[in-house]
Amino acid sequence: MAISTKNVPVPVLVPIRRALLSVYDKTGLVQFAKALSDRGVELVSTGGSYKALNDAGLPVCDVSDLTGFPEIMDGRVKTLHPNVHGGLLSIRDDEGHKEAMSKHGIAGIDLFCGNLYPFEDVVASGADYALGIENIDIGGPAMTRAAAKNHAYVTVVTDPSDYSRVIDALDQNKGQSPIELRKRLALKAFARTAAYDAAVSNWMAEQLCEDTPAHRAVGGALAEVMRYGENPHQSAGFYKTGEVRPGVATAKQLQGKTLSYNNINDTDAAFELVSEFDPKRTCAVAIIKHANPCGVAEGRTLQEAYEMALRCDPVSAFGGIVALNRTLDAAAAEEIVKIFTEVIIAPDADEAAQEIIAAKKNLRLLVTGGLADARKRGLFVKSVAGGLLVQSRDNGVVDDLDLKVVTKRTPSAQELADLKFAFRVAKHVKSNAIVYAKNGATVGIGAGQMSRVDSARIAARKALDASESAGLEVPLTSGCVVASDAFFPFADGLLSAAEAGATAVIQPGGSMRDDDVIAAADEAGLAMVMTGMRHFRH
């Protein structure tokens, strides 16, 4: 039985008689090779793989015996030879190919097992340019792609987790590899080499400070198949790029249910925000819902910071994500578990806190080992129909900006501290963003509105609701400051903030009507600071 193709029939089952094994990661290699040998498969290997198999007492041929040419140039050249690539690429049922194989003494290779130099790990460790270049694999990807292209006849194995799968298939098919397995392994092989090349090209672009290379590749390794995406009718997978930035992708989950697509998205937003706050200076907590903060605060303790963050919008915090910038302790954990929370993420969690969280078996607890560097560059990728939008991460930090007072009144020391705090938060609020803050805590947040004045009004309205919930006679926004992620195009948004009780403003500036807005601020007795940096987040 055969499946027809354009040129020659593709066999459904292909016997595996000879295997070439050339791996960097030798996990399970000896056991896999022994299983193949026990089933009558001739073994050919290279370098360190050959030594491992030979030391294990397995009958194995060195690739140099196959090629008739020694390994040279410190191992850079050992498999780039017609006897290897001819054995991998030959179409066994093509008369011309068979004639060429016979004429040149090329024997077929029915299985190729290979994985690549650990380029991603090496550059992630901070290797210099020369070491990074030296760890770019050439022969491995070439053989992998050759075997994958010719999967009609060759089984290509690039992942140790597939070793048992291959052996089981051989046992079920009397030593033959089925076409469905060969296709799926070929897909996996092409995906691996694509992700590998993406890592190399993106690293080189970074090293050369090339922000917009002629071609941009994006790759990652599947970490988890998700039950669904944003909505149940959408499929989804979580892929890791290998970036060592602390966060949800690198975190260790100590307990709780598997993270959903939305959990991962929201947890990333929460941790990126709380990483803006230096743990040596302050305790900070961010509560996130649908990728927007519903409360952020600094405090003397994590418990105090959490309580102040929760006060900003206790309704929206239900079912939210909580991120902390220091090790989670028992006092903070006790407060957090009082309401339904989806995820807690922190650099670490002490034993007492873990015991408290353990009582909520579905609550996810993630520890990252550190905070993300808010100043570090990186790539941000978004798909659009027919293309990718790629930009650098927003690594602007308010502490690094040249703040300019543009009004007659200069902000007080407390107002200035709150302005910086509010602008840190506004960077992580969907545009148009308005953030009211007071005494190191948000008291009202307006996010994602088409009009900035609407964001200002919504933030004020939510602050009133929170004030009523807390039983306060004076609104939380009385005497607060306000931050805007972008300039005020008109004075109306500014005046709405003043009506809510704001006494000082921080905004990027840059509007054609800056003078009008400054005049309105002066007339209202507001102090206003311009940053010169915008923080749109769509």
Protein backbone atom coordinates (compact mmCIF):
# COMPACT_ATOMS: atom_id res chain seq x y z
CA MET A 1 0.00 0.00 0.00
CA ALA A 2 1.38 3.45 -0.89
CA ILE A 3 0.24 7.06 -0.77
CA SER A 4 0.62 8.73 -4.16
CA THR A 5 2.64 11.91 -4.58
CA LYS A 6 3.54 13.94 -7.64
CA ASN A 7 6.71 11.99 -8.41
CA VAL A 8 6.95 8.57 -6.80
CA PRO A 9 4.75 6.63 -4.39
CA VAL A 10 5.47 7.33 -0.74
CA PRO A 11 5.64 4.12 1.28
CA VAL A 12 3.37 3.93 4.29
CA LEU A 13 5.88 1.82 6.20
CA VAL A 14 9.67 2.10 5.92
CA PRO A 15 12.02 -0.41 7.55
CA ILE A 16 14.73 1.15 9.70
CA ARG A 17 18.04 -0.61 9.00
CA ARG A 18 20.57 2.13 9.65
CA ALA A 19 20.48 5.07 12.07
CA LEU A 20 22.76 8.09 12.39
CA LEU A 21 22.89 9.52 15.93
CA SER A 22 24.54 12.89 16.53
CA VAL A 23 23.28 14.75 19.60
CA TYR A 24 24.48 17.42 22.00
CA ASP A 25 21.93 16.56 24.69
CA LYS A 26 22.66 12.92 25.44
CA THR A 27 19.68 12.38 27.72
CA GLY A 28 18.38 8.88 27.01
CA LEU A 29 20.75 8.42 24.05
CA VAL A 30 22.34 5.16 25.18
CA GLN A 31 18.98 3.57 26.01
CA PHE A 32 17.52 4.67 22.66
CA ALA A 33 20.52 3.43 20.71
CA LYS A 34 20.46 0.09 22.55
CA ALA A 35 16.76 -0.31 21.77
CA LEU A 36 17.49 0.33 18.08
CA SER A 37 20.48 -2.04 18.08
CA ASP A 38 18.46 -4.76 19.80
CA ARG A 39 16.01 -4.48 16.88
CA GLY A 40 18.72 -5.03 14.32
CA VAL A 41 19.42 -1.39 13.43
CA GLU A 42 23.01 -0.53 12.41
CA LEU A 43 24.32 2.44 14.42
CA VAL A 44 26.46 5.26 13.04
CA SER A 45 27.50 8.14 15.26
CA THR A 46 29.75 11.19 15.65
CA GLY A 47 32.11 12.75 18.19
CA GLY A 48 30.82 12.71 21.74
CA SER A 49 27.78 10.65 20.78
CA TYR A 50 30.02 7.96 19.31
CA LYS A 51 32.13 7.91 22.47
CA ALA A 52 29.05 7.57 24.71
CA LEU A 53 27.71 4.66 22.67
CA ASN A 54 31.09 2.98 22.32
CA ASP A 55 31.76 3.33 26.06
CA ALA A 56 28.38 1.69 26.67
CA GLY A 57 29.57 -1.33 24.68
CA LEU A 58 27.19 -0.84 21.76
CA PRO A 59 28.21 -1.81 18.22
CA VAL A 60 28.60 1.59 16.58
CA CYS A 61 30.40 2.88 13.50
CA ASP A 62 32.15 6.26 13.53
CA VAL A 63 30.86 8.66 10.88
CA SER A 64 34.46 9.03 9.65
CA ASP A 65 34.33 5.39 8.55
CA LEU A 66 31.15 6.22 6.64
CA THR A 67 32.58 9.29 4.91
CA GLY A 68 36.16 8.13 4.55
CA PHE A 69 37.19 11.54 5.81
CA PRO A 70 38.32 12.50 9.33
CA GLU A 71 36.66 15.07 11.56
CA ILE A 72 38.52 18.36 11.07
CA MET A 73 38.62 21.98 12.19
CA ASP A 74 37.77 21.26 15.83
CA GLY A 75 34.65 19.37 14.81
CA ARG A 76 33.29 22.10 12.56
CA VAL A 77 33.46 19.72 9.60
CA LYS A 78 32.48 16.10 10.13
CA THR A 79 29.04 15.38 8.63
CA LEU A 80 28.96 17.81 5.70
CA HIS A 81 29.64 15.04 3.20
CA PRO A 82 27.77 13.38 0.28
CA ASN A 83 27.84 10.00 2.01
CA VAL A 84 25.84 11.53 4.86
CA HIS A 85 23.53 13.86 3.00
CA GLY A 86 23.10 11.47 0.10
CA GLY A 87 22.08 8.80 2.57
CA LEU A 88 19.54 11.15 4.11
CA LEU A 89 18.16 12.78 0.94
CA SER A 90 18.01 9.92 -1.53
CA ILE A 91 14.61 8.94 -2.85
CA ARG A 92 14.85 5.19 -2.47
CA ASP A 93 12.36 4.40 -5.26
CA ASP A 94 13.82 6.81 -7.81
CA GLU A 95 15.92 4.94 -10.40
CA GLY A 96 18.28 7.88 -10.90
CA HIS A 97 18.87 8.19 -7.15
CA LYS A 98 19.46 4.46 -6.82
CA GLU A 99 21.98 4.56 -9.62
CA ALA A 100 23.84 7.47 -8.01
CA MET A 101 23.90 5.71 -4.65
CA SER A 102 25.30 2.56 -6.23
CA LYS A 103 27.89 4.43 -8.30
CA HIS A 104 29.22 6.43 -5.35
CA GLY A 105 28.85 3.80 -2.66
CA ILE A 106 26.22 5.71 -0.68
CA ALA A 107 24.11 3.72 1.76
CA GLY A 108 20.73 4.92 2.92
CA ILE A 109 20.22 6.37 6.40
CA ASP A 110 16.73 5.49 7.58
CA LEU A 111 16.71 7.32 10.91
CA PHE A 112 18.49 10.48 11.98
CA CYS A 113 18.58 11.37 15.66
CA GLY A 114 20.01 14.79 16.41
CA ASN A 115 19.68 17.84 18.62
CA LEU A 116 21.57 21.07 18.40
CA TYR A 117 24.31 22.98 20.15
CA PRO A 118 22.71 24.86 23.08
CA PHE A 119 22.95 28.28 21.44
CA GLU A 120 19.95 29.69 23.32
CA ASP A 121 21.31 28.62 26.70
CA VAL A 122 24.79 29.91 25.95
CA VAL A 123 23.69 33.42 24.93
CA ALA A 124 21.14 33.56 27.75
CA SER A 125 24.02 33.02 30.18
CA GLY A 126 25.60 36.28 28.95
CA ALA A 127 28.19 34.82 26.59
CA ASP A 128 30.23 37.25 24.53
CA TYR A 129 29.88 37.61 20.76
CA ALA A 130 32.66 35.16 19.87
CA LEU A 131 31.32 32.41 22.13
CA GLY A 132 27.82 32.94 20.81
CA ILE A 133 28.99 32.55 17.22
CA GLU A 134 30.97 29.42 18.09
CA ASN A 135 27.82 27.81 19.49
CA ILE A 136 25.84 28.17 16.26
CA ASP A 137 25.28 24.62 15.01
CA ILE A 138 25.77 24.02 11.27
CA GLY A 139 25.88 20.28 10.65
CA GLY A 140 23.05 19.52 13.05
CA PRO A 141 20.45 21.76 11.38
CA ALA A 142 21.65 20.68 7.93
CA MET A 143 21.15 16.99 8.68
CA THR A 144 17.89 17.66 10.53
CA ARG A 145 16.43 19.56 7.60
CA ALA A 146 17.66 16.98 5.10
CA ALA A 147 16.07 14.14 7.06
CA ALA A 148 12.86 16.10 7.59
CA LYS A 149 12.56 16.98 3.91
CA ASN A 150 12.96 13.33 2.99
CA HIS A 151 10.51 12.08 5.62
CA ALA A 152 8.96 9.91 2.93
CA TYR A 153 11.86 7.56 3.71
CA VAL A 154 13.63 8.93 6.79
CA THR A 155 12.51 9.17 10.41
CA VAL A 156 13.95 12.29 12.06
CA VAL A 157 14.09 12.47 15.86
CA THR A 158 15.02 15.78 17.49
CA ASP A 159 13.54 15.43 20.98
CA PRO A 160 14.51 12.79 23.59
CA SER A 161 10.87 12.69 24.67
CA ASP A 162 10.10 11.01 21.32
CA TYR A 163 12.54 8.11 21.75
CA SER A 164 10.00 5.77 23.33
CA ARG A 165 7.40 6.83 20.78
CA VAL A 166 9.68 5.71 17.94
CA ILE A 167 10.54 2.39 19.57
CA ASP A 168 6.87 1.66 20.24
CA ALA A 169 6.06 2.38 16.59
CA LEU A 170 8.79 0.00 15.44
CA ASP A 171 7.50 -2.73 17.71
CA GLN A 172 3.95 -2.26 16.48
CA ASN A 173 5.02 -2.36 12.83
CA LYS A 174 7.65 -5.12 12.78
CA GLY A 175 10.64 -2.77 12.67
CA GLN A 176 9.07 -0.28 10.27
CA SER A 177 8.30 3.40 10.74
CA PRO A 178 4.79 4.57 9.74
CA ILE A 179 4.27 7.60 7.49
CA GLU A 180 2.08 9.45 10.01
CA LEU A 181 4.86 9.31 12.60
CA ARG A 182 7.46 10.38 10.04
CA LYS A 183 5.36 13.39 9.02
CA ARG A 184 4.78 14.56 12.57
CA LEU A 185 8.43 14.16 13.52
CA ALA A 186 9.42 16.08 10.37
CA LEU A 187 7.10 18.91 11.36
CA LYS A 188 8.70 18.99 14.79
CA ALA A 189 12.17 19.03 13.22
CA PHE A 190 11.42 21.94 10.90
CA ALA A 191 9.84 23.87 13.78
CA ARG A 192 12.93 23.29 15.90
CA THR A 193 15.40 24.49 13.28
CA ALA A 194 13.17 27.49 12.54
CA ALA A 195 13.09 28.49 16.21
CA TYR A 196 16.86 27.93 16.41
CA ASP A 197 17.53 30.18 13.43
CA ALA A 198 15.16 32.78 14.88
CA ALA A 199 17.14 32.79 18.12
CA VAL A 200 20.40 33.23 16.23
CA SER A 201 19.17 36.03 13.99
CA ASN A 202 17.46 37.94 16.80
CA TRP A 203 20.55 37.65 18.99
CA MET A 204 22.77 38.95 16.20
CA ALA A 205 20.37 41.83 15.56
CA GLU A 206 20.56 42.71 19.25
CA GLN A 207 24.36 42.45 19.29
CA LEU A 208 24.61 44.74 16.27
CA CYS A 209 21.94 47.16 17.56
CA GLU A 210 19.87 46.47 14.43
CA ASP A 211 16.31 47.32 15.45
CA THR A 212 14.69 46.53 12.10
CA PRO A 213 16.53 43.72 10.28
CA ALA A 214 15.37 42.90 6.75
CA HIS A 215 13.68 39.73 8.01
CA ARG A 216 12.39 39.10 11.52
CA ALA A 217 11.80 35.57 12.77
CA VAL A 218 9.98 34.67 15.97
CA GLY A 219 10.30 31.25 17.55
CA GLY A 220 9.61 29.42 20.78
CA ALA A 221 9.33 25.98 22.36
CA LEU A 222 5.91 24.63 23.31
CA ALA A 223 5.59 24.72 27.08
CA GLU A 224 1.92 23.84 27.33
CA VAL A 225 -1.09 23.05 25.19
CA MET A 226 -3.86 25.15 26.67
CA ARG A 227 -7.47 24.08 27.11
CA TYR A 228 -8.44 27.12 25.02
CA GLY A 229 -7.43 30.70 24.29
CA GLU A 230 -9.10 33.94 25.31
CA ASN A 231 -12.44 32.25 24.63
CA PRO A 232 -13.46 28.56 24.64
CA HIS A 233 -13.79 28.40 20.85
CA GLN A 234 -10.15 29.48 20.35
CA SER A 235 -7.24 27.02 20.45
CA ALA A 236 -4.01 28.11 22.14
CA GLY A 237 -0.53 27.05 23.18
CA PHE A 238 2.05 28.64 25.46
CA TYR A 239 5.52 28.91 23.93
CA LYS A 240 8.71 29.93 25.70
CA THR A 241 11.33 31.93 23.85
CA GLY A 242 14.25 31.20 26.17
CA GLU A 243 14.51 34.79 27.39
CA VAL A 244 15.77 34.67 30.98
CA ARG A 245 13.68 37.65 32.11
CA PRO A 246 11.99 36.79 35.44
CA GLY A 247 8.25 36.53 35.01
CA VAL A 248 5.40 34.17 34.30
CA ALA A 249 7.28 32.20 31.61
CA THR A 250 10.24 31.45 33.88
CA ALA A 251 8.37 31.20 37.17
CA LYS A 252 7.99 28.05 39.24
CA GLN A 253 4.39 27.20 40.08
CA LEU A 254 4.24 25.98 43.66
CA GLN A 255 0.56 25.08 43.69
CA GLY A 256 -2.85 25.56 42.09
CA LYS A 257 -4.60 24.75 38.84
CA THR A 258 -2.93 24.99 35.46
CA LEU A 259 -2.69 28.55 34.23
CA SER A 260 -5.12 29.54 31.49
CA TYR A 261 -4.35 31.74 28.48
CA ASN A 262 -5.92 34.74 30.21
CA ASN A 263 -4.14 33.92 33.49
CA ILE A 264 -0.77 34.02 31.75
CA ASN A 265 -1.54 37.28 29.97
CA ASP A 266 -2.80 38.97 33.13
CA THR A 267 -0.04 37.58 35.35
CA ASP A 268 2.60 38.88 32.95
CA ALA A 269 0.98 42.34 33.08
CA ALA A 270 0.88 42.25 36.88
CA PHE A 271 4.48 41.20 37.36
CA GLU A 272 5.84 43.65 34.80
CA LEU A 273 4.05 46.45 36.66
CA VAL A 274 5.19 45.51 40.15
CA SER A 275 8.76 45.11 38.85
CA GLU A 276 8.83 48.90 38.41
CA PHE A 277 9.15 49.20 42.21
CA ASP A 278 12.58 48.67 43.75
CA PRO A 279 12.18 46.15 46.61
CA LYS A 280 15.14 47.72 48.43
CA ARG A 281 13.17 50.96 48.66
CA THR A 282 9.58 49.87 49.24
CA CYS A 283 7.02 47.09 49.41
CA ALA A 284 4.68 47.17 46.41
CA VAL A 285 1.59 45.25 45.34
CA ALA A 286 -0.35 45.34 42.08
CA ILE A 287 -3.80 43.84 41.57
CA ILE A 288 -4.65 43.19 37.91
CA LYS A 289 -7.86 42.37 36.09
CA HIS A 290 -8.00 41.86 32.31
CA ALA A 291 -4.40 43.12 31.97
CA ASN A 292 -5.26 46.46 33.63
CA PRO A 293 -4.39 47.40 37.21
CA CYS A 294 -7.40 47.90 39.46
CA GLY A 295 -5.18 48.83 42.39
CA VAL A 296 -1.48 49.48 43.03
CA ALA A 297 0.19 50.65 46.21
CA GLU A 298 3.44 50.98 48.10
CA GLY A 299 3.63 50.38 51.84
CA ARG A 300 5.87 49.69 54.79
CA THR A 301 4.82 46.04 54.56
CA LEU A 302 3.29 43.90 51.84
CA GLN A 303 0.14 43.60 53.90
CA GLU A 304 -0.22 47.38 54.08
CA ALA A 305 0.50 47.75 50.36
CA TYR A 306 -2.09 45.08 49.52
CA GLU A 307 -4.78 46.67 51.69
CA MET A 308 -4.18 50.07 50.09
CA ALA A 309 -4.19 48.58 46.58
CA LEU A 310 -7.42 46.69 47.31
CA ARG A 311 -9.11 49.84 48.59
CA CYS A 312 -8.80 51.45 45.14
CA ASP A 313 -11.27 49.06 43.51
CA PRO A 314 -12.37 46.15 45.73
CA VAL A 315 -15.09 45.10 43.29
CA SER A 316 -12.79 44.61 40.30
CA ALA A 317 -10.14 42.91 42.45
CA PHE A 318 -12.41 39.87 42.88
CA GLY A 319 -10.97 37.11 40.70
CA GLY A 320 -7.85 39.14 39.93
CA ILE A 321 -4.09 38.60 39.84
CA VAL A 322 -1.90 39.79 42.71
CA ALA A 323 1.78 40.60 42.11
CA LEU A 324 4.26 41.50 44.85
CA ASN A 325 7.79 42.86 44.62
CA ARG A 326 9.10 41.07 47.72
CA THR A 327 8.91 37.59 49.23
CA LEU A 328 5.29 36.82 50.12
CA ASP A 329 4.90 36.57 53.88
CA ALA A 330 2.14 35.18 56.09
CA ALA A 331 0.58 38.55 56.96
CA ALA A 332 0.10 39.46 53.30
CA ALA A 333 -1.05 35.95 52.41
CA GLU A 334 -3.72 36.06 55.12
CA GLU A 335 -5.19 39.23 53.57
CA ILE A 336 -4.99 38.06 49.97
CA VAL A 337 -6.90 34.83 50.55
CA LYS A 338 -9.84 36.68 52.10
CA ILE A 339 -11.24 37.25 48.60
CA PHE A 340 -11.22 35.03 45.52
CA THR A 341 -7.91 35.45 43.70
CA GLU A 342 -6.78 33.61 40.57
CA VAL A 343 -2.98 33.94 40.79
CA ILE A 344 -0.33 35.25 43.18
CA ILE A 345 3.12 35.93 41.74
CA ALA A 346 6.14 37.10 43.73
CA PRO A 347 9.91 36.70 43.75
CA ASP A 348 9.48 34.10 46.51
CA ALA A 349 7.12 32.94 49.26
CA ASP A 350 8.09 31.90 52.76
CA GLU A 351 6.92 28.61 54.29
CA ALA A 352 4.25 30.23 56.46
CA ALA A 353 2.75 31.99 53.45
CA GLN A 354 2.81 28.78 51.42
CA GLU A 355 0.90 26.97 54.16
CA ILE A 356 -1.79 29.66 54.14
CA ILE A 357 -2.10 29.58 50.34
CA ALA A 358 -2.22 25.77 50.39
CA ALA A 359 -5.66 25.93 52.00
CA LYS A 360 -6.92 27.36 48.68
CA LYS A 361 -6.05 24.39 46.46
CA ASN A 362 -7.05 26.07 43.18
CA LEU A 363 -5.17 29.32 43.87
CA ARG A 364 -2.04 29.44 41.73
CA LEU A 365 1.14 30.54 43.49
CA LEU A 366 4.13 31.39 41.30
CA VAL A 367 7.64 32.39 42.39
CA THR A 368 10.10 33.96 39.97
CA GLY A 369 13.37 34.19 41.87
CA GLY A 370 13.63 37.93 41.17
CA LEU A 371 12.04 40.93 39.49
CA ALA A 372 12.07 41.83 35.82
CA ASP A 373 14.46 44.62 34.86
CA ALA A 374 12.20 47.49 33.81
CA ARG A 375 15.08 49.12 31.92
CA LYS A 376 16.08 46.06 29.90
CA ARG A 377 15.41 46.06 26.18
CA GLY A 378 13.51 43.23 24.54
CA LEU A 379 11.10 42.50 21.72
CA PHE A 380 7.35 43.01 21.77
CA VAL A 381 5.53 41.22 18.94
CA LYS A 382 1.92 41.56 17.84
CA SER A 383 0.31 39.87 14.87
CA VAL A 384 -1.83 41.73 12.36
CA ALA A 385 -3.47 40.38 9.22
CA GLY A 386 -0.62 39.44 6.91
CA GLY A 387 2.18 40.67 9.14
CA LEU A 388 3.88 41.25 12.44
CA LEU A 389 4.34 44.46 14.37
CA VAL A 390 7.65 44.27 16.22
CA GLN A 391 8.91 46.91 18.61
CA SER A 392 11.27 47.18 21.54
CA ARG A 393 9.86 46.80 25.03
CA ASP A 394 8.80 50.04 26.71
CA ASN A 395 11.78 50.37 29.04
CA GLY A 396 11.31 54.00 29.95
CA VAL A 397 11.52 54.58 33.72
CA VAL A 398 10.28 57.79 35.31
CA ASP A 399 13.33 58.00 37.60
CA ASP A 400 15.51 58.41 34.50
CA LEU A 401 13.48 61.23 32.95
CA ASP A 402 14.18 64.95 33.04
CA LEU A 403 11.00 66.18 34.70
CA LYS A 404 10.09 69.77 33.95
CA VAL A 405 7.76 71.89 36.05
CA VAL A 406 5.77 73.97 33.55
CA THR A 407 3.31 75.73 35.89
CA LYS A 408 3.67 78.65 38.25
CA ARG A 409 3.29 76.33 41.22
CA THR A 410 5.94 73.71 41.92
CA PRO A 411 4.71 70.39 43.32
CA SER A 412 5.43 69.67 46.95
CA ALA A 413 7.78 66.81 47.88
CA GLN A 414 4.80 64.54 48.62
CA GLU A 415 3.07 65.53 45.39
CA LEU A 416 6.25 64.84 43.41
CA ALA A 417 6.63 61.39 44.97
CA ASP A 418 3.00 60.60 44.16
CA LEU A 419 3.38 61.96 40.61
CA LYS A 420 6.29 59.60 39.97
CA PHE A 421 4.31 56.74 41.48
CA ALA A 422 1.26 57.50 39.34
CA PHE A 423 3.31 57.76 36.15
CA ARG A 424 4.91 54.36 36.88
CA VAL A 425 1.44 52.87 37.08
CA ALA A 426 0.09 54.74 34.03
CA LYS A 427 2.79 53.08 31.92
CA HIS A 428 0.98 49.77 32.53
CA VAL A 429 -2.61 50.94 32.02
CA LYS A 430 -4.29 50.51 28.64
CA SER A 431 -4.60 53.78 26.73
CA ASN A 432 -6.12 56.23 27.14
CA ALA A 433 -4.88 56.00 30.72
CA ILE A 434 -5.61 58.23 33.71
CA VAL A 435 -4.31 57.37 37.17
CA TYR A 436 -5.23 59.21 40.39
CA ALA A 437 -2.85 58.53 43.27
CA LYS A 438 -2.35 59.67 46.84
CA ASN A 439 0.20 58.71 49.49
CA GLY A 440 1.76 56.00 47.35
CA ALA A 441 -1.45 54.31 46.30
CA THR A 442 -3.83 54.49 43.37
CA VAL A 443 -7.23 55.93 44.27
CA GLY A 444 -8.82 55.84 40.83
CA ILE A 445 -7.86 54.34 37.44
CA GLY A 446 -9.43 55.01 34.05
CA ALA A 447 -8.31 52.67 31.28
CA GLY A 448 -8.82 51.98 27.61
CA GLN A 449 -11.22 54.76 26.72
CA MET A 450 -11.46 56.42 23.33
CA SER A 451 -11.42 59.84 25.00
CA ARG A 452 -8.96 60.93 27.67
CA VAL A 453 -11.62 63.00 29.38
CA ASP A 454 -13.77 59.86 29.64
CA SER A 455 -10.89 58.04 31.31
CA ALA A 456 -10.58 60.92 33.79
CA ARG A 457 -14.29 60.81 34.57
CA ILE A 458 -14.44 57.04 34.88
CA ALA A 459 -11.44 57.03 37.22
CA ALA A 460 -13.11 59.67 39.38
CA ARG A 461 -16.40 57.75 39.40
CA LYS A 462 -14.65 54.53 40.48
CA ALA A 463 -12.84 56.50 43.20
CA LEU A 464 -16.19 57.72 44.53
CA ASP A 465 -17.49 54.14 44.57
CA ALA A 466 -14.40 52.99 46.45
CA SER A 467 -14.76 55.86 48.91
CA GLU A 468 -18.36 54.90 49.63
CA SER A 469 -17.35 51.26 50.02
CA ALA A 470 -14.73 52.28 52.58
CA GLY A 471 -17.22 54.48 54.40
CA LEU A 472 -15.25 57.66 53.76
CA GLU A 473 -16.94 61.04 53.89
CA VAL A 474 -14.15 62.68 51.88
CA PRO A 475 -13.49 61.14 48.44
CA LEU A 476 -10.20 59.31 48.01
CA THR A 477 -9.30 61.69 45.18
CA SER A 478 -9.39 64.77 47.41
CA GLY A 479 -5.86 66.17 47.40
CA CYS A 480 -4.57 63.48 45.02
CA VAL A 481 -2.32 63.78 41.97
CA VAL A 482 -3.09 62.58 38.46
CA ALA A 483 -0.99 60.95 35.74
CA SER A 484 -1.80 60.74 32.06
CA ASP A 485 0.03 58.29 29.77
CA ALA A 486 -0.04 60.81 26.90
CA PHE A 487 -0.56 64.55 26.51
CA PHE A 488 -3.85 66.29 27.16
CA PRO A 489 -5.02 67.41 23.69
CA PHE A 490 -7.42 69.85 25.36
CA ALA A 491 -7.80 71.26 28.83
CA ASP A 492 -11.07 69.37 29.47
CA GLY A 493 -9.38 66.19 30.72
CA LEU A 494 -7.17 68.23 33.02
CA LEU A 495 -10.15 70.16 34.38
CA SER A 496 -12.03 66.91 34.99
CA ALA A 497 -9.11 65.75 37.11
CA ALA A 498 -9.11 69.03 39.00
CA GLU A 499 -12.83 68.68 39.66
CA ALA A 500 -12.16 65.22 41.09
CA GLY A 501 -9.75 66.77 43.61
CA ALA A 502 -6.35 66.51 41.94
CA THR A 503 -3.80 69.14 42.93
CA ALA A 504 -0.89 68.14 40.70
CA VAL A 505 -0.48 66.60 37.25
CA ILE A 506 2.17 64.60 35.43
CA GLN A 507 1.96 64.12 31.66
CA PRO A 508 4.32 63.80 28.68
CA GLY A 509 3.44 67.08 27.00
CA GLY A 510 3.90 67.64 23.29
CA SER A 511 0.41 68.80 22.31
CA MET A 512 -0.14 71.72 19.97
CA ARG A 513 -2.26 73.12 22.81
CA ASP A 514 0.26 72.64 25.64
CA ASP A 515 0.18 76.37 26.34
CA ASP A 516 -3.61 76.29 26.74
CA VAL A 517 -3.40 73.28 29.07
CA ILE A 518 -0.65 74.94 31.14
CA ALA A 519 -2.73 78.11 31.40
CA ALA A 520 -5.73 76.07 32.57
CA ALA A 521 -3.56 74.35 35.18
CA ASP A 522 -2.29 77.70 36.44
CA GLU A 523 -5.81 79.09 36.65
CA ALA A 524 -6.91 76.04 38.65
CA GLY A 525 -3.88 76.33 40.96
CA LEU A 526 -2.45 72.99 39.84
CA ALA A 527 1.20 72.07 39.72
CA MET A 528 2.12 70.30 36.50
CA VAL A 529 5.18 68.31 35.47
CA MET A 530 6.01 67.18 31.95
CA THR A 531 8.08 64.05 31.32
CA GLY A 532 8.76 64.23 27.58
CA MET A 533 8.01 60.49 27.33
CA ARG A 534 4.70 58.91 26.32
CA HIS A 535 3.52 55.48 27.50
CA PHE A 536 0.80 54.37 25.09
CA ARG A 537 -0.27 50.75 25.70
CA HIS A 538 -2.80 49.28 23.29
